[in-house]
Amino acid sequence: MVSSTAQAPHWWDHLQRMDGSRDLSQIAATAGRALVVLSETYAHAMHRDLLALGATGADVVLIGGARELDGVVRVPANAALRQVLGGTLTSLNVRTAASWLEHCTPGRLITPDGQARWAVWAAQAAQRERYARTPVSDEAVISFIKEMKNLHPHSSRTRLLRLLRDKGMACEQKRFADLYAATIGR
């Protein structure tokens, strides 16, 4: 059996053929630059395209991604920047990209000065987050979900997880999603 990670590049290639999209290297070669924001999973799926992108000679910045690539300036995901950038870890790469652009020299994606400004800022802004949350049983999570849905019927699953964590309780996101689906039915 082939894992989903192994199948991901085939899925990406198929998707590209289906909609007739121009590949990233064509776009970057035309524009002379590219800012690519990817999770590790998508970076694995798009690895061949990212290699081709790095070979264009264009200014290419990869926010997130999976590994360093020739011809590409990679800004890895850094969870220690989550607090200063705000939001959740899920959307950290997008907010990192916005911050990268704020540190760039106007009109340029990559300059030594911009990279230096980013490095100094990131080193000063980074803060490791430590949580002192108490692990809770499935039954306690289900009880919390029911109670909160009665009090706040239109709250999203994400909002309820945030409320649970704000009350000092620990629950991994996938586990919460599974318990929420089992409790609410969707």
C-alpha atoms as a PDB file:
ATOM      1  CA  MET A   1       0.000   0.000   0.000  1.00  0.00           C
ATOM      2  CA  VAL A   2       1.269   3.482  -0.909  1.00  0.00           C
ATOM      3  CA  SER A   3       0.957   6.140   1.797  1.00  0.00           C
ATOM      4  CA  SER A   4      -0.795   9.441   1.163  1.00  0.00           C
ATOM      5  CA  THR A   5       2.562  11.213   1.437  1.00  0.00           C
ATOM      6  CA  ALA A   6       3.933   9.056  -1.373  1.00  0.00           C
ATOM      7  CA  GLN A   7       0.807   9.663  -3.464  1.00  0.00           C
ATOM      8  CA  ALA A   8       0.803  13.428  -2.932  1.00  0.00           C
ATOM      9  CA  PRO A   9       3.154  14.274  -5.856  1.00  0.00           C
ATOM     10  CA  HIS A  10       0.967  12.195  -8.206  1.00  0.00           C
ATOM     11  CA  TRP A  11      -2.118  14.010  -6.950  1.00  0.00           C
ATOM     12  CA  TRP A  12      -0.441  17.386  -7.531  1.00  0.00           C
ATOM     13  CA  ASP A  13       0.710  16.429 -11.046  1.00  0.00           C
ATOM     14  CA  HIS A  14      -2.787  15.203 -11.900  1.00  0.00           C
ATOM     15  CA  LEU A  15      -4.337  18.397 -10.562  1.00  0.00           C
ATOM     16  CA  GLN A  16      -1.981  20.495 -12.681  1.00  0.00           C
ATOM     17  CA  ARG A  17      -2.872  18.545 -15.844  1.00  0.00           C
ATOM     18  CA  MET A  18      -6.602  18.741 -15.106  1.00  0.00           C
ATOM     19  CA  ASP A  19      -6.950  22.490 -15.007  1.00  0.00           C
ATOM     20  CA  GLY A  20      -4.191  23.373 -17.479  1.00  0.00           C
ATOM     21  CA  SER A  21      -2.449  25.623 -14.971  1.00  0.00           C
ATOM     22  CA  ARG A  22       0.859  27.191 -15.833  1.00  0.00           C
ATOM     23  CA  ASP A  23       3.547  25.766 -13.640  1.00  0.00           C
ATOM     24  CA  LEU A  24       5.231  27.833 -10.964  1.00  0.00           C
ATOM     25  CA  SER A  25       8.525  28.098 -12.821  1.00  0.00           C
ATOM     26  CA  GLN A  26       6.813  29.723 -15.829  1.00  0.00           C
ATOM     27  CA  ILE A  27       5.102  32.251 -13.588  1.00  0.00           C
ATOM     28  CA  ALA A  28       8.324  33.042 -11.698  1.00  0.00           C
ATOM     29  CA  ALA A  29      10.367  33.313 -14.886  1.00  0.00           C
ATOM     30  CA  THR A  30       7.869  35.824 -16.276  1.00  0.00           C
ATOM     31  CA  ALA A  31       7.523  37.851 -13.069  1.00  0.00           C
ATOM     32  CA  GLY A  32      11.161  37.528 -11.981  1.00  0.00           C
ATOM     33  CA  ARG A  33      10.078  36.636  -8.462  1.00  0.00           C
ATOM     34  CA  ALA A  34       7.771  34.349  -6.513  1.00  0.00           C
ATOM     35  CA  LEU A  35       6.574  34.147  -2.937  1.00  0.00           C
ATOM     36  CA  VAL A  36       5.336  30.639  -2.182  1.00  0.00           C
ATOM     37  CA  VAL A  37       3.574  29.838   1.090  1.00  0.00           C
ATOM     38  CA  LEU A  38       3.221  26.122   1.758  1.00  0.00           C
ATOM     39  CA  SER A  39       2.720  23.673   4.557  1.00  0.00           C
ATOM     40  CA  GLU A  40       5.194  20.829   4.835  1.00  0.00           C
ATOM     41  CA  THR A  41       2.607  18.467   3.326  1.00  0.00           C
ATOM     42  CA  TYR A  42       2.067  20.589   0.215  1.00  0.00           C
ATOM     43  CA  ALA A  43       5.806  21.197  -0.136  1.00  0.00           C
ATOM     44  CA  HIS A  44       6.330  17.435  -0.325  1.00  0.00           C
ATOM     45  CA  ALA A  45       3.600  17.148  -2.960  1.00  0.00           C
ATOM     46  CA  MET A  46       5.064  20.007  -4.998  1.00  0.00           C
ATOM     47  CA  HIS A  47       8.744  19.116  -4.558  1.00  0.00           C
ATOM     48  CA  ARG A  48       9.495  18.774  -8.305  1.00  0.00           C
ATOM     49  CA  ASP A  49       7.839  22.135  -9.003  1.00  0.00           C
ATOM     50  CA  LEU A  50       9.797  23.781  -6.207  1.00  0.00           C
ATOM     51  CA  LEU A  51      13.076  22.415  -7.602  1.00  0.00           C
ATOM     52  CA  ALA A  52      12.160  23.804 -11.045  1.00  0.00           C
ATOM     53  CA  LEU A  53      11.208  27.104  -9.443  1.00  0.00           C
ATOM     54  CA  GLY A  54      14.625  27.350  -7.777  1.00  0.00           C
ATOM     55  CA  ALA A  55      16.326  26.725 -11.128  1.00  0.00           C
ATOM     56  CA  THR A  56      14.657  29.733 -12.821  1.00  0.00           C
ATOM     57  CA  GLY A  57      17.073  32.307 -11.424  1.00  0.00           C
ATOM     58  CA  ALA A  58      14.103  34.357 -10.200  1.00  0.00           C
ATOM     59  CA  ASP A  59      13.946  35.712  -6.654  1.00  0.00           C
ATOM     60  CA  VAL A  60      12.068  32.921  -4.887  1.00  0.00           C
ATOM     61  CA  VAL A  61      11.037  32.886  -1.236  1.00  0.00           C
ATOM     62  CA  LEU A  62       9.412  29.813   0.277  1.00  0.00           C
ATOM     63  CA  ILE A  63       7.558  30.431   3.520  1.00  0.00           C
ATOM     64  CA  GLY A  64       7.116  27.180   5.460  1.00  0.00           C
ATOM     65  CA  GLY A  65       7.851  24.260   3.208  1.00  0.00           C
ATOM     66  CA  ALA A  66       9.733  21.110   4.063  1.00  0.00           C
ATOM     67  CA  ARG A  67      13.425  21.616   3.308  1.00  0.00           C
ATOM     68  CA  GLU A  68      16.089  23.928   1.946  1.00  0.00           C
ATOM     69  CA  LEU A  69      16.262  24.040  -1.875  1.00  0.00           C
ATOM     70  CA  ASP A  70      18.891  25.430  -4.236  1.00  0.00           C
ATOM     71  CA  GLY A  71      17.852  28.805  -5.649  1.00  0.00           C
ATOM     72  CA  VAL A  72      15.142  29.316  -3.023  1.00  0.00           C
ATOM     73  CA  VAL A  73      15.318  31.412   0.148  1.00  0.00           C
ATOM     74  CA  ARG A  74      13.377  29.402   2.705  1.00  0.00           C
ATOM     75  CA  VAL A  75      11.809  30.951   5.778  1.00  0.00           C
ATOM     76  CA  PRO A  76      10.815  27.921   7.866  1.00  0.00           C
ATOM     77  CA  ALA A  77       7.731  27.895  10.027  1.00  0.00           C
ATOM     78  CA  ASN A  78       8.664  29.098  13.498  1.00  0.00           C
ATOM     79  CA  ALA A  79       6.100  28.392  16.205  1.00  0.00           C
ATOM     80  CA  ALA A  80       7.992  30.768  18.516  1.00  0.00           C
ATOM     81  CA  LEU A  81       6.684  33.640  16.349  1.00  0.00           C
ATOM     82  CA  ARG A  82       3.030  32.630  16.765  1.00  0.00           C
ATOM     83  CA  GLN A  83       2.394  34.921  19.708  1.00  0.00           C
ATOM     84  CA  VAL A  84       3.767  38.050  18.036  1.00  0.00           C
ATOM     85  CA  LEU A  85       2.169  37.238  14.666  1.00  0.00           C
ATOM     86  CA  GLY A  86      -1.135  36.206  16.256  1.00  0.00           C
ATOM     87  CA  GLY A  87      -3.655  33.572  15.239  1.00  0.00           C
ATOM     88  CA  THR A  88      -3.177  29.832  15.299  1.00  0.00           C
ATOM     89  CA  LEU A  89      -0.319  27.594  14.255  1.00  0.00           C
ATOM     90  CA  THR A  90      -2.463  26.416  11.343  1.00  0.00           C
ATOM     91  CA  SER A  91      -2.261  29.828   9.668  1.00  0.00           C
ATOM     92  CA  LEU A  92       1.211  30.784  10.871  1.00  0.00           C
ATOM     93  CA  ASN A  93       2.801  30.486   7.405  1.00  0.00           C
ATOM     94  CA  VAL A  94       0.436  33.069   5.917  1.00  0.00           C
ATOM     95  CA  ARG A  95       1.100  35.561   8.692  1.00  0.00           C
ATOM     96  CA  THR A  96       4.841  34.849   8.400  1.00  0.00           C
ATOM     97  CA  ALA A  97       4.637  35.714   4.699  1.00  0.00           C
ATOM     98  CA  ALA A  98       2.923  39.025   5.478  1.00  0.00           C
ATOM     99  CA  SER A  99       5.621  39.856   8.023  1.00  0.00           C
ATOM    100  CA  TRP A 100       8.377  38.855   5.570  1.00  0.00           C
ATOM    101  CA  LEU A 101       6.943  41.313   3.049  1.00  0.00           C
ATOM    102  CA  GLU A 102       6.950  44.064   5.689  1.00  0.00           C
ATOM    103  CA  HIS A 103      10.689  43.459   6.218  1.00  0.00           C
ATOM    104  CA  CYS A 104      11.531  43.425   2.509  1.00  0.00           C
ATOM    105  CA  THR A 105      13.107  46.255   0.596  1.00  0.00           C
ATOM    106  CA  PRO A 106      10.227  47.867  -1.361  1.00  0.00           C
ATOM    107  CA  GLY A 107       9.793  46.171  -4.725  1.00  0.00           C
ATOM    108  CA  ARG A 108      12.179  43.292  -3.904  1.00  0.00           C
ATOM    109  CA  LEU A 109      11.552  39.909  -2.301  1.00  0.00           C
ATOM    110  CA  ILE A 110      15.171  39.130  -1.534  1.00  0.00           C
ATOM    111  CA  THR A 111      17.959  41.491  -0.531  1.00  0.00           C
ATOM    112  CA  PRO A 112      20.735  41.041   1.993  1.00  0.00           C
ATOM    113  CA  ASP A 113      19.338  44.000   3.979  1.00  0.00           C
ATOM    114  CA  GLY A 114      15.813  42.561   3.993  1.00  0.00           C
ATOM    115  CA  GLN A 115      17.045  39.149   5.056  1.00  0.00           C
ATOM    116  CA  ALA A 116      19.113  40.747   7.820  1.00  0.00           C
ATOM    117  CA  ARG A 117      16.119  42.809   9.021  1.00  0.00           C
ATOM    118  CA  TRP A 118      14.014  39.645   9.105  1.00  0.00           C
ATOM    119  CA  ALA A 119      16.644  37.652  10.998  1.00  0.00           C
ATOM    120  CA  VAL A 120      17.090  40.361  13.644  1.00  0.00           C
ATOM    121  CA  TRP A 121      13.350  40.858  14.047  1.00  0.00           C
ATOM    122  CA  ALA A 122      12.585  37.116  14.233  1.00  0.00           C
ATOM    123  CA  ALA A 123      15.335  36.523  16.801  1.00  0.00           C
ATOM    124  CA  GLN A 124      14.044  39.365  18.992  1.00  0.00           C
ATOM    125  CA  ALA A 125      10.345  38.515  18.582  1.00  0.00           C
ATOM    126  CA  ALA A 126      10.562  34.743  19.091  1.00  0.00           C
ATOM    127  CA  GLN A 127       8.994  33.492  22.313  1.00  0.00           C
ATOM    128  CA  ARG A 128       8.578  29.849  23.146  1.00  0.00           C
ATOM    129  CA  GLU A 129       5.066  29.257  24.357  1.00  0.00           C
ATOM    130  CA  ARG A 130       4.520  27.008  27.320  1.00  0.00           C
ATOM    131  CA  TYR A 131       1.120  25.758  28.251  1.00  0.00           C
ATOM    132  CA  ALA A 132       0.100  24.608  31.701  1.00  0.00           C
ATOM    133  CA  ARG A 133      -3.060  22.854  30.632  1.00  0.00           C
ATOM    134  CA  THR A 134      -4.483  19.837  32.388  1.00  0.00           C
ATOM    135  CA  PRO A 135      -5.201  16.748  30.295  1.00  0.00           C
ATOM    136  CA  VAL A 136      -8.884  15.789  30.455  1.00  0.00           C
ATOM    137  CA  SER A 137     -10.808  12.634  29.628  1.00  0.00           C
ATOM    138  CA  ASP A 138     -12.951  12.148  26.530  1.00  0.00           C
ATOM    139  CA  GLU A 139     -16.011  12.276  28.791  1.00  0.00           C
ATOM    140  CA  ALA A 140     -14.987  15.680  30.155  1.00  0.00           C
ATOM    141  CA  VAL A 141     -14.430  17.025  26.626  1.00  0.00           C
ATOM    142  CA  ILE A 142     -17.809  15.706  25.454  1.00  0.00           C
ATOM    143  CA  SER A 143     -19.505  17.242  28.499  1.00  0.00           C
ATOM    144  CA  PHE A 144     -17.796  20.576  27.747  1.00  0.00           C
ATOM    145  CA  ILE A 145     -18.888  20.450  24.088  1.00  0.00           C
ATOM    146  CA  LYS A 146     -22.512  19.777  25.058  1.00  0.00           C
ATOM    147  CA  GLU A 147     -22.517  22.532  27.674  1.00  0.00           C
ATOM    148  CA  MET A 148     -20.939  25.107  25.350  1.00  0.00           C
ATOM    149  CA  LYS A 149     -23.216  24.206  22.440  1.00  0.00           C
ATOM    150  CA  ASN A 150     -26.209  24.786  24.717  1.00  0.00           C
ATOM    151  CA  LEU A 151     -24.839  28.153  25.840  1.00  0.00           C
ATOM    152  CA  HIS A 152     -23.439  29.194  22.435  1.00  0.00           C
ATOM    153  CA  PRO A 153     -25.286  27.185  19.754  1.00  0.00           C
ATOM    154  CA  HIS A 154     -23.649  28.941  16.800  1.00  0.00           C
ATOM    155  CA  SER A 155     -20.060  28.585  18.011  1.00  0.00           C
ATOM    156  CA  SER A 156     -17.726  26.765  15.661  1.00  0.00           C
ATOM    157  CA  ARG A 157     -15.700  23.733  16.638  1.00  0.00           C
ATOM    158  CA  THR A 158     -12.550  25.864  16.537  1.00  0.00           C
ATOM    159  CA  ARG A 159     -14.101  28.431  18.865  1.00  0.00           C
ATOM    160  CA  LEU A 160     -15.117  25.724  21.349  1.00  0.00           C
ATOM    161  CA  LEU A 161     -11.598  24.275  21.331  1.00  0.00           C
ATOM    162  CA  ARG A 162     -10.230  27.744  22.069  1.00  0.00           C
ATOM    163  CA  LEU A 163     -12.694  28.091  24.979  1.00  0.00           C
ATOM    164  CA  LEU A 164     -11.675  24.682  26.326  1.00  0.00           C
ATOM    165  CA  ARG A 165      -7.996  25.589  26.186  1.00  0.00           C
ATOM    166  CA  ASP A 166      -8.650  29.022  27.702  1.00  0.00           C
ATOM    167  CA  LYS A 167     -10.158  27.196  30.693  1.00  0.00           C
ATOM    168  CA  GLY A 168      -6.807  25.438  31.177  1.00  0.00           C
ATOM    169  CA  MET A 169      -7.830  22.080  29.725  1.00  0.00           C
ATOM    170  CA  ALA A 170      -5.647  20.210  27.246  1.00  0.00           C
ATOM    171  CA  CYS A 171      -7.034  18.477  24.171  1.00  0.00           C
ATOM    172  CA  GLU A 172      -5.225  17.847  20.885  1.00  0.00           C
ATOM    173  CA  GLN A 173      -6.979  19.424  17.883  1.00  0.00           C
ATOM    174  CA  LYS A 174      -7.717  16.166  16.016  1.00  0.00           C
ATOM    175  CA  ARG A 175      -8.990  14.459  19.150  1.00  0.00           C
ATOM    176  CA  PHE A 176     -11.268  17.427  19.828  1.00  0.00           C
ATOM    177  CA  ALA A 177     -12.525  17.357  16.219  1.00  0.00           C
ATOM    178  CA  ASP A 178     -13.316  13.642  16.482  1.00  0.00           C
ATOM    179  CA  LEU A 179     -15.129  14.076  19.803  1.00  0.00           C
ATOM    180  CA  TYR A 180     -16.990  17.100  18.481  1.00  0.00           C
ATOM    181  CA  ALA A 181     -18.145  15.155  15.402  1.00  0.00           C
ATOM    182  CA  ALA A 182     -19.240  12.222  17.541  1.00  0.00           C
ATOM    183  CA  THR A 183     -21.111  14.541  19.906  1.00  0.00           C
ATOM    184  CA  ILE A 184     -22.671  17.025  17.493  1.00  0.00           C
ATOM    185  CA  GLY A 185     -23.002  14.657  14.547  1.00  0.00           C
ATOM    186  CA  ARG A 186     -21.017  16.588  11.952  1.00  0.00           C
END
